[in-house]
Amino acid sequence: MADHAAVLNRLSEDLLADVAKDRTFDAALRYADVLPSLFIAHVLGLPGPLVVDFVRETAEIGRTFDRGCSPRYYARMETLIIDQRLPFLSIVSERRKKPDDSAISRMILLADASYPLSDVDIANHVMFLIMAASENTAALIGNTIAAVVEAGLVDALVDAEPPILRAAVEETLRYAPPVRQMWRIAQTDLTLGGARISRGERLLLLTDAASRDPAVYPDPDRFDPWRSNRRGFGFGLGRHYCLGAELALLEAETALRVILQRLPRRVSDLPFEWHDRQTLRRALHLPLILSPQKGLAP
């Protein structure tokens, strides 16, 4: 994990260095949205620009998790995936012929030793890993930055110790979680809130609403990294808990720490823009002002 932290720190610093001359920049579009793509590219041993472009080109696929998409839309997304698979298929084929120490080569070797997979299968797994590691994590980073700025906590957190920065990310998962709802199946008959639920029934859990329950969270509409109970449902629970949760938390914590060093007291007068879907809420545009140095206001 220490190696990952060092890589994330370097990537975050590099992204801000690229926009240093602009002073005002979109922290969602040019920072939060890009960092997870570059990091998973590093983990998988893939070119960063390839993964960044892939995530941007396939952003619409997330809508297939919402209800109401037409069969024509699903067909269009399937065609998009097939087209986007070509460069990954080429890389998998090359790694099969000339293995290296990358994660993709190890994936091929492990599959061949147990249950052989075709190059198409491996490429599909790689694309799935990229998408799973990118959108929700990018949303968490953007939502965390937005929550800190809107709550006026830039000064309070700029020199904070790592546990407080981690707490700010965890509080975001409660206060402004990217994942808004999830489906589950009742494992037994039960009564919940006076409603009878039968075993096998599908349940739509509105997890973002549950995270604002005043009976559980005092003053739930206030973003407070110092609150004692920050437990939310952003990464699921139990057997469904996200396997990549710890990496996503590390990414968001690192991204927040690095950008806080460059935010002045007056952040921006421009409004933030949000992208709301049935299943996902994320900061779409975060216009911010960067200081050349820590603590230097424009």
C-alpha atoms as a PDB file:
ATOM      1  CA  MET A   1       0.000   0.000   0.000  1.00  0.00           C
ATOM      2  CA  ALA A   2       2.954   2.331   0.650  1.00  0.00           C
ATOM      3  CA  ASP A   3       4.045   1.947  -2.985  1.00  0.00           C
ATOM      4  CA  HIS A   4       0.533   2.818  -4.138  1.00  0.00           C
ATOM      5  CA  ALA A   5       0.524   5.902  -1.905  1.00  0.00           C
ATOM      6  CA  ALA A   6       3.774   7.135  -3.452  1.00  0.00           C
ATOM      7  CA  VAL A   7       2.441   6.630  -6.981  1.00  0.00           C
ATOM      8  CA  LEU A   8      -0.816   8.412  -6.156  1.00  0.00           C
ATOM      9  CA  ASN A   9       1.062  11.325  -4.641  1.00  0.00           C
ATOM     10  CA  ARG A  10       3.220  11.672  -7.762  1.00  0.00           C
ATOM     11  CA  LEU A  11       0.238  11.444 -10.112  1.00  0.00           C
ATOM     12  CA  SER A  12      -1.709  14.029  -8.105  1.00  0.00           C
ATOM     13  CA  GLU A  13       1.228  16.437  -8.057  1.00  0.00           C
ATOM     14  CA  ASP A  14       1.777  15.976 -11.793  1.00  0.00           C
ATOM     15  CA  LEU A  15      -1.869  16.726 -12.598  1.00  0.00           C
ATOM     16  CA  LEU A  16      -1.774  19.978 -10.639  1.00  0.00           C
ATOM     17  CA  ALA A  17       1.584  20.903 -12.175  1.00  0.00           C
ATOM     18  CA  ASP A  18       0.000  20.560 -15.614  1.00  0.00           C
ATOM     19  CA  VAL A  19      -2.631  23.205 -14.767  1.00  0.00           C
ATOM     20  CA  ALA A  20      -0.398  25.463 -12.652  1.00  0.00           C
ATOM     21  CA  LYS A  21      -0.249  28.195 -15.281  1.00  0.00           C
ATOM     22  CA  ASP A  22      -4.048  28.320 -15.575  1.00  0.00           C
ATOM     23  CA  ARG A  23      -4.738  29.283 -11.937  1.00  0.00           C
ATOM     24  CA  THR A  24      -8.479  28.660 -12.460  1.00  0.00           C
ATOM     25  CA  PHE A  25      -9.238  25.092 -13.446  1.00  0.00           C
ATOM     26  CA  ASP A  26     -11.982  22.477 -13.339  1.00  0.00           C
ATOM     27  CA  ALA A  27     -11.010  20.154 -10.494  1.00  0.00           C
ATOM     28  CA  ALA A  28     -13.582  17.583 -11.562  1.00  0.00           C
ATOM     29  CA  LEU A  29     -12.721  17.395 -15.245  1.00  0.00           C
ATOM     30  CA  ARG A  30      -8.941  17.778 -14.970  1.00  0.00           C
ATOM     31  CA  TYR A  31      -8.173  16.217 -11.597  1.00  0.00           C
ATOM     32  CA  ALA A  32     -10.807  14.014  -9.947  1.00  0.00           C
ATOM     33  CA  ASP A  33     -11.904  12.395 -13.204  1.00  0.00           C
ATOM     34  CA  VAL A  34      -8.352  11.694 -14.375  1.00  0.00           C
ATOM     35  CA  LEU A  35      -6.480  10.495 -11.281  1.00  0.00           C
ATOM     36  CA  PRO A  36      -8.239   7.107 -10.868  1.00  0.00           C
ATOM     37  CA  SER A  37      -7.768   6.338 -14.568  1.00  0.00           C
ATOM     38  CA  LEU A  38      -4.047   7.057 -14.405  1.00  0.00           C
ATOM     39  CA  PHE A  39      -3.693   5.016 -11.234  1.00  0.00           C
ATOM     40  CA  ILE A  40      -5.461   1.894 -12.532  1.00  0.00           C
ATOM     41  CA  ALA A  41      -3.395   2.249 -15.723  1.00  0.00           C
ATOM     42  CA  HIS A  42      -0.272   2.094 -13.546  1.00  0.00           C
ATOM     43  CA  VAL A  43      -1.579  -0.922 -11.616  1.00  0.00           C
ATOM     44  CA  LEU A  44      -2.411  -2.826 -14.808  1.00  0.00           C
ATOM     45  CA  GLY A  45       0.689  -1.741 -16.715  1.00  0.00           C
ATOM     46  CA  LEU A  46      -1.223   0.150 -19.404  1.00  0.00           C
ATOM     47  CA  PRO A  47      -0.559   3.512 -21.099  1.00  0.00           C
ATOM     48  CA  GLY A  48      -2.202   6.275 -19.082  1.00  0.00           C
ATOM     49  CA  PRO A  49      -3.665   8.182 -22.066  1.00  0.00           C
ATOM     50  CA  LEU A  50      -5.281   4.978 -23.385  1.00  0.00           C
ATOM     51  CA  VAL A  51      -7.120   4.392 -20.111  1.00  0.00           C
ATOM     52  CA  VAL A  52      -8.101   8.052 -19.662  1.00  0.00           C
ATOM     53  CA  ASP A  53      -9.586   8.139 -23.178  1.00  0.00           C
ATOM     54  CA  PHE A  54     -11.353   4.809 -22.648  1.00  0.00           C
ATOM     55  CA  VAL A  55     -13.023   5.994 -19.435  1.00  0.00           C
ATOM     56  CA  ARG A  56     -14.181   9.218 -21.084  1.00  0.00           C
ATOM     57  CA  GLU A  57     -15.466   7.468 -24.203  1.00  0.00           C
ATOM     58  CA  THR A  58     -17.423   4.892 -22.174  1.00  0.00           C
ATOM     59  CA  ALA A  59     -18.829   7.269 -19.539  1.00  0.00           C
ATOM     60  CA  GLU A  60     -22.359   6.806 -20.874  1.00  0.00           C
ATOM     61  CA  ILE A  61     -22.307   3.095 -20.053  1.00  0.00           C
ATOM     62  CA  GLY A  62     -23.025   3.927 -16.420  1.00  0.00           C
ATOM     63  CA  ARG A  63     -26.543   4.917 -17.424  1.00  0.00           C
ATOM     64  CA  THR A  64     -27.341   1.265 -18.109  1.00  0.00           C
ATOM     65  CA  PHE A  65     -27.580   0.809 -14.332  1.00  0.00           C
ATOM     66  CA  ASP A  66     -30.499   3.253 -14.285  1.00  0.00           C
ATOM     67  CA  ARG A  67     -34.007   2.177 -15.102  1.00  0.00           C
ATOM     68  CA  GLY A  68     -35.651   3.324 -18.300  1.00  0.00           C
ATOM     69  CA  CYS A  69     -32.870   2.768 -20.859  1.00  0.00           C
ATOM     70  CA  SER A  70     -34.231   1.602 -24.195  1.00  0.00           C
ATOM     71  CA  PRO A  71     -33.138  -1.577 -26.029  1.00  0.00           C
ATOM     72  CA  ARG A  72     -31.644   0.703 -28.681  1.00  0.00           C
ATOM     73  CA  TYR A  73     -29.500   2.380 -26.021  1.00  0.00           C
ATOM     74  CA  TYR A  74     -28.238  -0.972 -24.723  1.00  0.00           C
ATOM     75  CA  ALA A  75     -27.390  -2.009 -28.293  1.00  0.00           C
ATOM     76  CA  ARG A  76     -25.463   1.217 -28.836  1.00  0.00           C
ATOM     77  CA  MET A  77     -23.488   0.657 -25.630  1.00  0.00           C
ATOM     78  CA  GLU A  78     -22.668  -2.904 -26.704  1.00  0.00           C
ATOM     79  CA  THR A  79     -21.300  -1.615 -30.008  1.00  0.00           C
ATOM     80  CA  LEU A  80     -19.293   1.009 -28.133  1.00  0.00           C
ATOM     81  CA  ILE A  81     -17.698  -1.636 -25.907  1.00  0.00           C
ATOM     82  CA  ILE A  82     -16.774  -3.804 -28.898  1.00  0.00           C
ATOM     83  CA  ASP A  83     -15.109  -0.832 -30.605  1.00  0.00           C
ATOM     84  CA  GLN A  84     -13.278   0.245 -27.454  1.00  0.00           C
ATOM     85  CA  ARG A  85     -12.020  -3.294 -26.837  1.00  0.00           C
ATOM     86  CA  LEU A  86      -9.723  -3.329 -29.868  1.00  0.00           C
ATOM     87  CA  PRO A  87      -6.627  -1.652 -28.349  1.00  0.00           C
ATOM     88  CA  PHE A  88      -6.918  -3.751 -25.176  1.00  0.00           C
ATOM     89  CA  LEU A  89      -7.260  -6.900 -27.251  1.00  0.00           C
ATOM     90  CA  SER A  90      -4.065  -5.981 -29.068  1.00  0.00           C
ATOM     91  CA  ILE A  91      -2.211  -5.464 -25.772  1.00  0.00           C
ATOM     92  CA  VAL A  92      -3.465  -8.764 -24.324  1.00  0.00           C
ATOM     93  CA  SER A  93      -2.391 -10.606 -27.467  1.00  0.00           C
ATOM     94  CA  GLU A  94       1.072  -9.041 -27.263  1.00  0.00           C
ATOM     95  CA  ARG A  95       1.426  -9.867 -23.545  1.00  0.00           C
ATOM     96  CA  ARG A  96       0.448 -13.466 -24.230  1.00  0.00           C
ATOM     97  CA  LYS A  97       3.242 -13.736 -26.805  1.00  0.00           C
ATOM     98  CA  LYS A  98       5.768 -11.755 -24.770  1.00  0.00           C
ATOM     99  CA  PRO A  99       4.906 -11.903 -21.050  1.00  0.00           C
ATOM    100  CA  ASP A 100       6.300  -9.218 -18.768  1.00  0.00           C
ATOM    101  CA  ASP A 101       5.813  -8.425 -15.074  1.00  0.00           C
ATOM    102  CA  SER A 102       2.545  -6.539 -15.604  1.00  0.00           C
ATOM    103  CA  ALA A 103      -0.777  -7.437 -13.992  1.00  0.00           C
ATOM    104  CA  ILE A 104      -2.185  -8.406 -17.390  1.00  0.00           C
ATOM    105  CA  SER A 105       0.587 -10.937 -17.982  1.00  0.00           C
ATOM    106  CA  ARG A 106      -0.008 -12.388 -14.522  1.00  0.00           C
ATOM    107  CA  MET A 107      -3.723 -12.540 -15.257  1.00  0.00           C
ATOM    108  CA  ILE A 108      -3.034 -14.554 -18.407  1.00  0.00           C
ATOM    109  CA  LEU A 109      -0.668 -16.935 -16.602  1.00  0.00           C
ATOM    110  CA  LEU A 110      -3.094 -17.520 -13.733  1.00  0.00           C
ATOM    111  CA  ALA A 111      -5.957 -18.162 -16.135  1.00  0.00           C
ATOM    112  CA  ASP A 112      -3.897 -20.596 -18.196  1.00  0.00           C
ATOM    113  CA  ALA A 113      -3.000 -22.506 -15.021  1.00  0.00           C
ATOM    114  CA  SER A 114      -6.605 -22.914 -13.911  1.00  0.00           C
ATOM    115  CA  TYR A 115      -9.327 -22.036 -16.397  1.00  0.00           C
ATOM    116  CA  PRO A 116      -7.924 -20.838 -19.734  1.00  0.00           C
ATOM    117  CA  LEU A 117      -9.515 -17.667 -21.067  1.00  0.00           C
ATOM    118  CA  SER A 118      -9.439 -16.264 -24.577  1.00  0.00           C
ATOM    119  CA  ASP A 119      -7.829 -12.932 -25.362  1.00  0.00           C
ATOM    120  CA  VAL A 120     -11.326 -11.452 -25.660  1.00  0.00           C
ATOM    121  CA  ASP A 121     -12.188 -12.719 -22.168  1.00  0.00           C
ATOM    122  CA  ILE A 122      -9.014 -11.221 -20.707  1.00  0.00           C
ATOM    123  CA  ALA A 123      -9.592  -7.906 -22.507  1.00  0.00           C
ATOM    124  CA  ASN A 124     -13.150  -7.819 -21.155  1.00  0.00           C
ATOM    125  CA  HIS A 125     -11.866  -8.397 -17.620  1.00  0.00           C
ATOM    126  CA  VAL A 126      -9.321  -5.607 -18.042  1.00  0.00           C
ATOM    127  CA  MET A 127     -11.987  -3.169 -19.254  1.00  0.00           C
ATOM    128  CA  PHE A 128     -14.287  -4.152 -16.389  1.00  0.00           C
ATOM    129  CA  LEU A 129     -11.504  -3.543 -13.862  1.00  0.00           C
ATOM    130  CA  ILE A 130     -10.847  -0.118 -15.366  1.00  0.00           C
ATOM    131  CA  MET A 131     -14.496   0.912 -15.239  1.00  0.00           C
ATOM    132  CA  ALA A 132     -14.952  -0.482 -11.721  1.00  0.00           C
ATOM    133  CA  ALA A 133     -11.881   1.412 -10.511  1.00  0.00           C
ATOM    134  CA  SER A 134     -12.629   4.713 -12.226  1.00  0.00           C
ATOM    135  CA  GLU A 135     -16.111   6.234 -12.160  1.00  0.00           C
ATOM    136  CA  ASN A 136     -17.095   5.737  -8.527  1.00  0.00           C
ATOM    137  CA  THR A 137     -13.627   6.677  -7.275  1.00  0.00           C
ATOM    138  CA  ALA A 138     -13.568   9.786  -9.466  1.00  0.00           C
ATOM    139  CA  ALA A 139     -16.979  10.703  -8.075  1.00  0.00           C
ATOM    140  CA  LEU A 140     -15.754  10.183  -4.512  1.00  0.00           C
ATOM    141  CA  ILE A 141     -12.739  12.445  -5.098  1.00  0.00           C
ATOM    142  CA  GLY A 142     -14.828  15.185  -6.709  1.00  0.00           C
ATOM    143  CA  ASN A 143     -17.583  14.970  -4.110  1.00  0.00           C
ATOM    144  CA  THR A 144     -15.023  15.152  -1.291  1.00  0.00           C
ATOM    145  CA  ILE A 145     -13.369  18.265  -2.722  1.00  0.00           C
ATOM    146  CA  ALA A 146     -16.771  19.884  -3.245  1.00  0.00           C
ATOM    147  CA  ALA A 147     -17.942  19.046   0.280  1.00  0.00           C
ATOM    148  CA  VAL A 148     -14.779  20.444   1.883  1.00  0.00           C
ATOM    149  CA  VAL A 149     -14.921  23.658  -0.154  1.00  0.00           C
ATOM    150  CA  GLU A 150     -18.654  24.229   0.312  1.00  0.00           C
ATOM    151  CA  ALA A 151     -18.341  23.643   4.072  1.00  0.00           C
ATOM    152  CA  GLY A 152     -15.552  26.230   4.265  1.00  0.00           C
ATOM    153  CA  LEU A 153     -13.071  23.721   5.684  1.00  0.00           C
ATOM    154  CA  VAL A 154     -10.063  24.357   3.422  1.00  0.00           C
ATOM    155  CA  ASP A 155      -8.138  26.205   6.150  1.00  0.00           C
ATOM    156  CA  ALA A 156      -9.136  23.697   8.819  1.00  0.00           C
ATOM    157  CA  LEU A 157      -7.899  20.727   6.806  1.00  0.00           C
ATOM    158  CA  VAL A 158      -4.882  22.099   4.938  1.00  0.00           C
ATOM    159  CA  ASP A 159      -2.434  21.003   7.654  1.00  0.00           C
ATOM    160  CA  ALA A 160      -4.553  18.177   9.044  1.00  0.00           C
ATOM    161  CA  GLU A 161      -3.065  14.828   9.961  1.00  0.00           C
ATOM    162  CA  PRO A 162      -3.863  11.832   7.705  1.00  0.00           C
ATOM    163  CA  PRO A 163      -6.578  10.441  10.035  1.00  0.00           C
ATOM    164  CA  ILE A 164      -8.581  13.671   9.686  1.00  0.00           C
ATOM    165  CA  LEU A 165      -8.225  13.655   5.899  1.00  0.00           C
ATOM    166  CA  ARG A 166      -9.398  10.036   5.866  1.00  0.00           C
ATOM    167  CA  ALA A 167     -12.302  11.087   8.090  1.00  0.00           C
ATOM    168  CA  ALA A 168     -13.244  13.786   5.551  1.00  0.00           C
ATOM    169  CA  VAL A 169     -13.417  11.148   2.819  1.00  0.00           C
ATOM    170  CA  GLU A 170     -15.465   8.826   5.031  1.00  0.00           C
ATOM    171  CA  GLU A 171     -17.818  11.687   5.894  1.00  0.00           C
ATOM    172  CA  THR A 172     -18.264  12.318   2.168  1.00  0.00           C
ATOM    173  CA  LEU A 173     -19.383   8.714   1.776  1.00  0.00           C
ATOM    174  CA  ARG A 174     -22.115   9.525   4.282  1.00  0.00           C
ATOM    175  CA  TYR A 175     -22.904  13.119   3.322  1.00  0.00           C
ATOM    176  CA  ALA A 176     -22.507  13.011  -0.481  1.00  0.00           C
ATOM    177  CA  PRO A 177     -22.065   9.364  -1.498  1.00  0.00           C
ATOM    178  CA  PRO A 178     -21.523   8.679  -5.200  1.00  0.00           C
ATOM    179  CA  VAL A 179     -23.684   5.533  -5.062  1.00  0.00           C
ATOM    180  CA  ARG A 180     -27.234   6.551  -4.172  1.00  0.00           C
ATOM    181  CA  GLN A 181     -29.077   3.243  -4.110  1.00  0.00           C
ATOM    182  CA  MET A 182     -28.606  -0.492  -4.446  1.00  0.00           C
ATOM    183  CA  TRP A 183     -30.751  -3.557  -5.019  1.00  0.00           C
ATOM    184  CA  ARG A 184     -30.828  -6.463  -2.593  1.00  0.00           C
ATOM    185  CA  ILE A 185     -32.910  -9.642  -2.199  1.00  0.00           C
ATOM    186  CA  ALA A 186     -34.578 -10.460   1.116  1.00  0.00           C
ATOM    187  CA  GLN A 187     -33.062 -13.631   2.562  1.00  0.00           C
ATOM    188  CA  THR A 188     -35.969 -14.225   4.951  1.00  0.00           C
ATOM    189  CA  ASP A 189     -39.477 -13.009   5.748  1.00  0.00           C
ATOM    190  CA  LEU A 190     -39.393  -9.813   7.796  1.00  0.00           C
ATOM    191  CA  THR A 191     -41.301  -6.738   8.822  1.00  0.00           C
ATOM    192  CA  LEU A 192     -39.553  -3.416   8.254  1.00  0.00           C
ATOM    193  CA  GLY A 193     -41.136  -0.094   9.138  1.00  0.00           C
ATOM    194  CA  GLY A 194     -44.508  -1.790   9.376  1.00  0.00           C
ATOM    195  CA  ALA A 195     -44.218  -3.301   5.883  1.00  0.00           C
ATOM    196  CA  ARG A 196     -44.229  -7.044   5.334  1.00  0.00           C
ATOM    197  CA  ILE A 197     -41.385  -8.268   3.134  1.00  0.00           C
ATOM    198  CA  SER A 198     -41.309 -11.836   1.876  1.00  0.00           C
ATOM    199  CA  ARG A 199     -38.227 -13.943   1.339  1.00  0.00           C
ATOM    200  CA  GLY A 200     -36.973 -13.547  -2.234  1.00  0.00           C
ATOM    201  CA  GLU A 201     -38.457 -10.088  -2.794  1.00  0.00           C
ATOM    202  CA  ARG A 202     -36.235  -7.476  -4.420  1.00  0.00           C
ATOM    203  CA  LEU A 203     -35.564  -4.417  -2.287  1.00  0.00           C
ATOM    204  CA  LEU A 204     -34.388  -1.033  -3.528  1.00  0.00           C
ATOM    205  CA  LEU A 205     -32.288   0.476  -0.749  1.00  0.00           C
ATOM    206  CA  LEU A 206     -32.062   4.281  -0.863  1.00  0.00           C
ATOM    207  CA  THR A 207     -28.702   4.388   0.841  1.00  0.00           C
ATOM    208  CA  ASP A 208     -28.080   8.109   0.359  1.00  0.00           C
ATOM    209  CA  ALA A 209     -31.330   8.863   2.203  1.00  0.00           C
ATOM    210  CA  ALA A 210     -30.404   6.427   4.982  1.00  0.00           C
ATOM    211  CA  SER A 211     -27.138   8.310   5.443  1.00  0.00           C
ATOM    212  CA  ARG A 212     -29.115  11.450   6.317  1.00  0.00           C
ATOM    213  CA  ASP A 213     -31.285   9.754   8.979  1.00  0.00           C
ATOM    214  CA  PRO A 214     -31.481  12.229  11.915  1.00  0.00           C
ATOM    215  CA  ALA A 215     -32.144   9.351  14.312  1.00  0.00           C
ATOM    216  CA  VAL A 216     -28.676   7.996  13.511  1.00  0.00           C
ATOM    217  CA  TYR A 217     -26.670  11.101  12.586  1.00  0.00           C
ATOM    218  CA  PRO A 218     -27.089  14.304  14.628  1.00  0.00           C
ATOM    219  CA  ASP A 219     -27.417  17.336  12.334  1.00  0.00           C
ATOM    220  CA  PRO A 220     -27.222  15.026   9.287  1.00  0.00           C
ATOM    221  CA  ASP A 221     -27.253  17.795   6.665  1.00  0.00           C
ATOM    222  CA  ARG A 222     -23.967  19.225   7.946  1.00  0.00           C
ATOM    223  CA  PHE A 223     -20.645  18.019   6.549  1.00  0.00           C
ATOM    224  CA  ASP A 224     -18.570  17.253   9.643  1.00  0.00           C
ATOM    225  CA  PRO A 225     -15.394  15.130   9.379  1.00  0.00           C
ATOM    226  CA  TRP A 226     -15.086  15.226  13.175  1.00  0.00           C
ATOM    227  CA  ARG A 227     -18.441  13.558  13.894  1.00  0.00           C
ATOM    228  CA  SER A 228     -18.108  10.295  15.813  1.00  0.00           C
ATOM    229  CA  ASN A 229     -20.381   8.256  13.540  1.00  0.00           C
ATOM    230  CA  ARG A 230     -19.440   8.568   9.865  1.00  0.00           C
ATOM    231  CA  ARG A 231     -20.497   5.088   8.879  1.00  0.00           C
ATOM    232  CA  GLY A 232     -22.292   5.051   5.557  1.00  0.00           C
ATOM    233  CA  PHE A 233     -23.160   2.602   2.816  1.00  0.00           C
ATOM    234  CA  GLY A 234     -20.952   3.944   0.035  1.00  0.00           C
ATOM    235  CA  PHE A 235     -19.004   0.697  -0.348  1.00  0.00           C
ATOM    236  CA  GLY A 236     -21.798  -1.700   0.571  1.00  0.00           C
ATOM    237  CA  LEU A 237     -21.929  -4.022   3.560  1.00  0.00           C
ATOM    238  CA  GLY A 238     -21.027  -7.583   4.492  1.00  0.00           C
ATOM    239  CA  ARG A 239     -20.397  -9.990   1.649  1.00  0.00           C
ATOM    240  CA  HIS A 240     -21.143  -7.216  -0.842  1.00  0.00           C
ATOM    241  CA  TYR A 241     -18.498  -4.849   0.550  1.00  0.00           C
ATOM    242  CA  CYS A 242     -16.386  -3.373  -2.248  1.00  0.00           C
ATOM    243  CA  LEU A 243     -13.069  -5.188  -2.689  1.00  0.00           C
ATOM    244  CA  GLY A 244     -11.408  -1.993  -3.876  1.00  0.00           C
ATOM    245  CA  ALA A 245     -12.667   0.176  -1.013  1.00  0.00           C
ATOM    246  CA  GLU A 246      -9.292   0.657   0.656  1.00  0.00           C
ATOM    247  CA  LEU A 247      -7.634   1.728  -2.592  1.00  0.00           C
ATOM    248  CA  ALA A 248     -10.476   4.146  -3.363  1.00  0.00           C
ATOM    249  CA  LEU A 249     -10.164   5.678   0.113  1.00  0.00           C
ATOM    250  CA  LEU A 250      -6.410   6.047  -0.362  1.00  0.00           C
ATOM    251  CA  GLU A 251      -6.920   7.703  -3.753  1.00  0.00           C
ATOM    252  CA  ALA A 252      -9.445  10.189  -2.387  1.00  0.00           C
ATOM    253  CA  GLU A 253      -7.373  10.943   0.714  1.00  0.00           C
ATOM    254  CA  THR A 254      -4.241  11.567  -1.371  1.00  0.00           C
ATOM    255  CA  ALA A 255      -6.087  13.683  -3.927  1.00  0.00           C
ATOM    256  CA  LEU A 256      -7.592  15.807  -1.150  1.00  0.00           C
ATOM    257  CA  ARG A 257      -4.290  16.281   0.678  1.00  0.00           C
ATOM    258  CA  VAL A 258      -2.415  17.347  -2.455  1.00  0.00           C
ATOM    259  CA  ILE A 259      -5.028  19.784  -3.754  1.00  0.00           C
ATOM    260  CA  LEU A 260      -5.511  21.377  -0.320  1.00  0.00           C
ATOM    261  CA  GLN A 261      -1.901  22.555  -0.506  1.00  0.00           C
ATOM    262  CA  ARG A 262      -2.833  24.626  -3.563  1.00  0.00           C
ATOM    263  CA  LEU A 263      -6.222  26.066  -2.589  1.00  0.00           C
ATOM    264  CA  PRO A 264      -6.389  29.677  -1.353  1.00  0.00           C
ATOM    265  CA  ARG A 265      -8.844  30.946   1.213  1.00  0.00           C
ATOM    266  CA  ARG A 266     -11.018  32.427  -1.527  1.00  0.00           C
ATOM    267  CA  VAL A 267     -11.661  29.392  -3.650  1.00  0.00           C
ATOM    268  CA  SER A 268     -14.004  30.486  -6.447  1.00  0.00           C
ATOM    269  CA  ASP A 269     -17.150  32.496  -6.992  1.00  0.00           C
ATOM    270  CA  LEU A 270     -18.343  30.195  -9.765  1.00  0.00           C
ATOM    271  CA  PRO A 271     -21.022  27.617  -8.902  1.00  0.00           C
ATOM    272  CA  PHE A 272     -20.315  23.911  -8.892  1.00  0.00           C
ATOM    273  CA  GLU A 273     -22.304  21.730 -11.288  1.00  0.00           C
ATOM    274  CA  TRP A 274     -23.637  18.294 -10.412  1.00  0.00           C
ATOM    275  CA  HIS A 275     -24.512  15.241 -12.450  1.00  0.00           C
ATOM    276  CA  ASP A 276     -27.452  13.371 -10.956  1.00  0.00           C
ATOM    277  CA  ARG A 277     -28.470   9.913 -12.070  1.00  0.00           C
ATOM    278  CA  GLN A 278     -30.753   7.431 -10.371  1.00  0.00           C
ATOM    279  CA  THR A 279     -27.798   5.422  -9.150  1.00  0.00           C
ATOM    280  CA  LEU A 280     -24.941   7.945  -9.046  1.00  0.00           C
ATOM    281  CA  ARG A 281     -24.381  11.551  -7.987  1.00  0.00           C
ATOM    282  CA  ARG A 282     -21.120  13.255  -8.744  1.00  0.00           C
ATOM    283  CA  ALA A 283     -19.566  16.678  -9.157  1.00  0.00           C
ATOM    284  CA  LEU A 284     -19.547  17.397 -12.885  1.00  0.00           C
ATOM    285  CA  HIS A 285     -17.663  20.715 -12.837  1.00  0.00           C
ATOM    286  CA  LEU A 286     -15.654  22.146  -9.927  1.00  0.00           C
ATOM    287  CA  PRO A 287     -14.197  25.536 -10.939  1.00  0.00           C
ATOM    288  CA  LEU A 288     -11.402  26.299  -8.468  1.00  0.00           C
ATOM    289  CA  ILE A 289      -8.574  28.796  -8.116  1.00  0.00           C
ATOM    290  CA  LEU A 290      -5.081  27.446  -7.532  1.00  0.00           C
ATOM    291  CA  SER A 291      -2.446  29.272  -5.521  1.00  0.00           C
ATOM    292  CA  PRO A 292       1.164  29.067  -6.762  1.00  0.00           C
ATOM    293  CA  GLN A 293       2.164  28.118  -3.229  1.00  0.00           C
ATOM    294  CA  LYS A 294       0.421  26.867  -0.151  1.00  0.00           C
ATOM    295  CA  GLY A 295      -1.394  29.699   1.612  1.00  0.00           C
ATOM    296  CA  LEU A 296      -0.849  32.281  -1.142  1.00  0.00           C
ATOM    297  CA  ALA A 297      -4.235  33.721  -2.101  1.00  0.00           C
ATOM    298  CA  PRO A 298      -4.786  35.154  -5.590  1.00  0.00           C
END
